[in-house]
Amino acid sequence: MIGEALAILSALMQAISTMLSAEALKNVDPFWSNVIKSLASAIVMFPIIAVTGFLFGCVNVRIDALFFVILAAIIGFGFGDTFLFKSIILIGVSRAYTISFTSPLFTMILAVIFLNETFLLKCLIGAIFIVISLAILSSELEKEGQKKIST
């Protein structure tokens, strides 16, 4: 249950972060907003790892693992968050963030292909339900937006 609780806490932190970012994007370019967010996050992490004792754990990190961590950061935080921020400007935070949560479907497919994880039909069905529900929600948000524009 701890893993699930942490995942839910992560989702809550991501939602708060995205709402704060949406407010910042009213005055800051998506690229620079992401640069500032990433730098601030890195600066905050150093005291945390120093206090928790994890600072010396970096000595034991294998070079291939370090490569994957850096690549993940570049793809997820660098490109992904920048695209999300631009999307927020174009279609609003609710639609952009909702659409971005089709990621479980992509994650499942990529994990099966590249990490040799076991394909589970129940995960596929769950991911399809996520995508369908997001499509419904997104279309409803679009209809609401069109109603506001026409009135």
Protein backbone atom coordinates (compact mmCIF):
# COMPACT_ATOMS: atom_id res chain seq x y z
CA MET A 1 0.00 0.00 0.00
CA ILE A 2 2.92 2.40 0.54
CA GLY A 3 3.75 2.34 -3.18
CA GLU A 4 0.18 3.22 -4.12
CA ALA A 5 0.02 5.99 -1.51
CA LEU A 6 3.27 7.48 -2.80
CA ALA A 7 1.94 7.33 -6.39
CA ILE A 8 -1.21 9.20 -5.32
CA LEU A 9 0.92 11.73 -3.43
CA SER A 10 3.04 12.13 -6.56
CA ALA A 11 -0.09 12.78 -8.63
CA LEU A 12 -1.19 15.42 -6.12
CA MET A 13 2.24 17.09 -6.20
CA GLN A 14 2.19 17.05 -10.03
CA ALA A 15 -1.27 18.65 -10.04
CA ILE A 16 -0.19 21.41 -7.65
CA SER A 17 2.99 21.98 -9.65
CA THR A 18 1.04 22.23 -12.89
CA MET A 19 -1.46 24.73 -11.45
CA LEU A 20 1.38 26.89 -10.14
CA SER A 21 3.13 26.62 -13.49
CA ALA A 22 -0.06 27.65 -15.30
CA GLU A 23 -0.15 30.82 -13.20
CA ALA A 24 3.51 31.52 -13.95
CA LEU A 25 2.94 30.96 -17.66
CA LYS A 26 0.82 34.11 -17.75
CA ASN A 27 4.07 36.06 -17.48
CA VAL A 28 6.91 33.67 -18.33
CA ASP A 29 7.75 31.88 -21.59
CA PRO A 30 7.24 28.07 -21.39
CA PHE A 31 10.92 27.37 -22.04
CA TRP A 32 12.18 29.75 -19.33
CA SER A 33 9.48 28.65 -16.94
CA ASN A 34 10.73 25.08 -17.28
CA VAL A 35 14.37 26.16 -16.89
CA ILE A 36 13.56 28.03 -13.68
CA LYS A 37 11.44 25.13 -12.37
CA SER A 38 14.17 22.58 -13.10
CA LEU A 39 16.95 24.68 -11.56
CA ALA A 40 14.91 25.43 -8.45
CA SER A 41 14.11 21.74 -8.07
CA ALA A 42 17.78 20.78 -8.40
CA ILE A 43 18.84 23.41 -5.86
CA VAL A 44 16.27 22.16 -3.33
CA MET A 45 17.32 18.53 -3.81
CA PHE A 46 20.94 19.06 -2.74
CA PRO A 47 20.17 19.95 0.90
CA ILE A 48 17.59 17.15 1.02
CA ILE A 49 20.09 14.49 -0.10
CA ALA A 50 22.74 15.94 2.23
CA VAL A 51 20.43 15.78 5.28
CA THR A 52 19.08 12.32 4.47
CA GLY A 53 22.52 10.84 3.86
CA PHE A 54 21.85 9.98 0.23
CA LEU A 55 24.62 12.32 -0.95
CA PHE A 56 27.24 9.58 -0.77
CA GLY A 57 25.00 7.14 -2.65
CA CYS A 58 25.91 8.85 -5.91
CA VAL A 59 29.39 7.32 -5.65
CA ASN A 60 27.89 3.87 -6.21
CA VAL A 61 25.83 4.82 -9.27
CA ARG A 62 26.79 2.86 -12.36
CA ILE A 63 27.53 4.94 -15.46
CA ASP A 64 24.77 3.28 -17.51
CA ALA A 65 22.22 4.03 -14.78
CA LEU A 66 23.42 7.63 -14.64
CA PHE A 67 23.00 7.87 -18.41
CA PHE A 68 19.38 6.67 -18.16
CA VAL A 69 18.59 9.08 -15.31
CA ILE A 70 19.98 12.01 -17.31
CA LEU A 71 18.17 10.90 -20.46
CA ALA A 72 14.91 10.54 -18.51
CA ALA A 73 15.31 14.05 -17.10
CA ILE A 74 16.00 15.52 -20.54
CA ILE A 75 13.01 13.77 -22.10
CA GLY A 76 10.54 14.14 -19.23
CA PHE A 77 11.44 17.43 -17.59
CA GLY A 78 13.21 19.08 -20.51
CA PHE A 79 10.98 18.29 -23.46
CA GLY A 80 7.85 16.90 -21.80
CA ASP A 81 7.29 19.72 -19.33
CA THR A 82 8.13 22.37 -21.92
CA PHE A 83 5.55 20.85 -24.29
CA LEU A 84 3.04 20.67 -21.42
CA PHE A 85 3.63 24.33 -20.55
CA LYS A 86 3.12 25.42 -24.16
CA SER A 87 0.00 23.26 -24.29
CA ILE A 88 -1.31 24.96 -21.14
CA ILE A 89 -0.96 28.34 -22.87
CA LEU A 90 -2.75 27.09 -25.99
CA ILE A 91 -5.63 25.04 -24.52
CA GLY A 92 -5.68 25.73 -20.77
CA VAL A 93 -4.39 23.86 -17.76
CA SER A 94 -7.41 21.53 -17.33
CA ARG A 95 -7.36 20.20 -20.89
CA ALA A 96 -3.57 20.10 -21.24
CA TYR A 97 -3.00 18.24 -17.99
CA THR A 98 -5.90 15.90 -18.60
CA ILE A 99 -4.65 14.98 -22.06
CA SER A 100 -1.11 14.51 -20.73
CA PHE A 101 -2.44 11.77 -18.49
CA THR A 102 -2.74 9.43 -21.43
CA SER A 103 0.83 8.62 -20.43
CA PRO A 104 -0.11 5.34 -18.66
CA LEU A 105 -1.01 3.85 -22.03
CA PHE A 106 2.33 4.88 -23.54
CA THR A 107 4.19 3.79 -20.41
CA MET A 108 2.61 0.35 -20.47
CA ILE A 109 3.39 -0.21 -24.14
CA LEU A 110 6.98 1.02 -23.82
CA ALA A 111 7.58 -1.04 -20.65
CA VAL A 112 6.46 -4.21 -22.41
CA ILE A 113 8.62 -3.47 -25.47
CA PHE A 114 11.80 -2.13 -23.87
CA LEU A 115 11.79 -3.48 -20.31
CA ASN A 116 10.34 -6.91 -21.10
CA GLU A 117 7.58 -6.39 -18.54
CA THR A 118 4.76 -8.87 -18.65
CA PHE A 119 1.82 -7.78 -20.76
CA LEU A 120 -1.26 -7.74 -18.58
CA LEU A 121 -4.65 -7.51 -20.26
CA LYS A 122 -6.11 -5.81 -17.18
CA CYS A 123 -3.49 -3.04 -17.50
CA LEU A 124 -4.34 -2.56 -21.16
CA ILE A 125 -8.05 -2.39 -20.36
CA GLY A 126 -7.35 0.09 -17.56
CA ALA A 127 -5.19 2.24 -19.84
CA ILE A 128 -7.88 2.20 -22.55
CA PHE A 129 -10.47 3.32 -19.99
CA ILE A 130 -8.15 6.14 -18.96
CA VAL A 131 -7.78 7.30 -22.56
CA ILE A 132 -11.55 7.04 -23.23
CA SER A 133 -12.42 8.94 -20.06
CA LEU A 134 -9.86 11.62 -20.88
CA ALA A 135 -11.27 11.95 -24.40
CA ILE A 136 -14.77 12.37 -22.98
CA LEU A 137 -13.58 14.90 -20.41
CA SER A 138 -11.55 16.80 -22.98
CA SER A 139 -14.48 17.03 -25.37
CA GLU A 140 -16.72 18.25 -22.53
CA LEU A 141 -14.17 20.91 -21.59
CA GLU A 142 -13.99 21.97 -25.25
CA LYS A 143 -17.80 22.27 -25.42
CA GLU A 144 -17.78 24.39 -22.24
CA GLY A 145 -15.10 26.62 -23.71
CA GLN A 146 -17.07 27.08 -26.92
CA LYS A 147 -20.22 27.98 -24.94
CA LYS A 148 -18.29 30.67 -23.05
CA ILE A 149 -16.90 32.10 -26.28
CA SER A 150 -20.32 32.23 -27.98
CA THR A 151 -22.03 33.96 -25.04
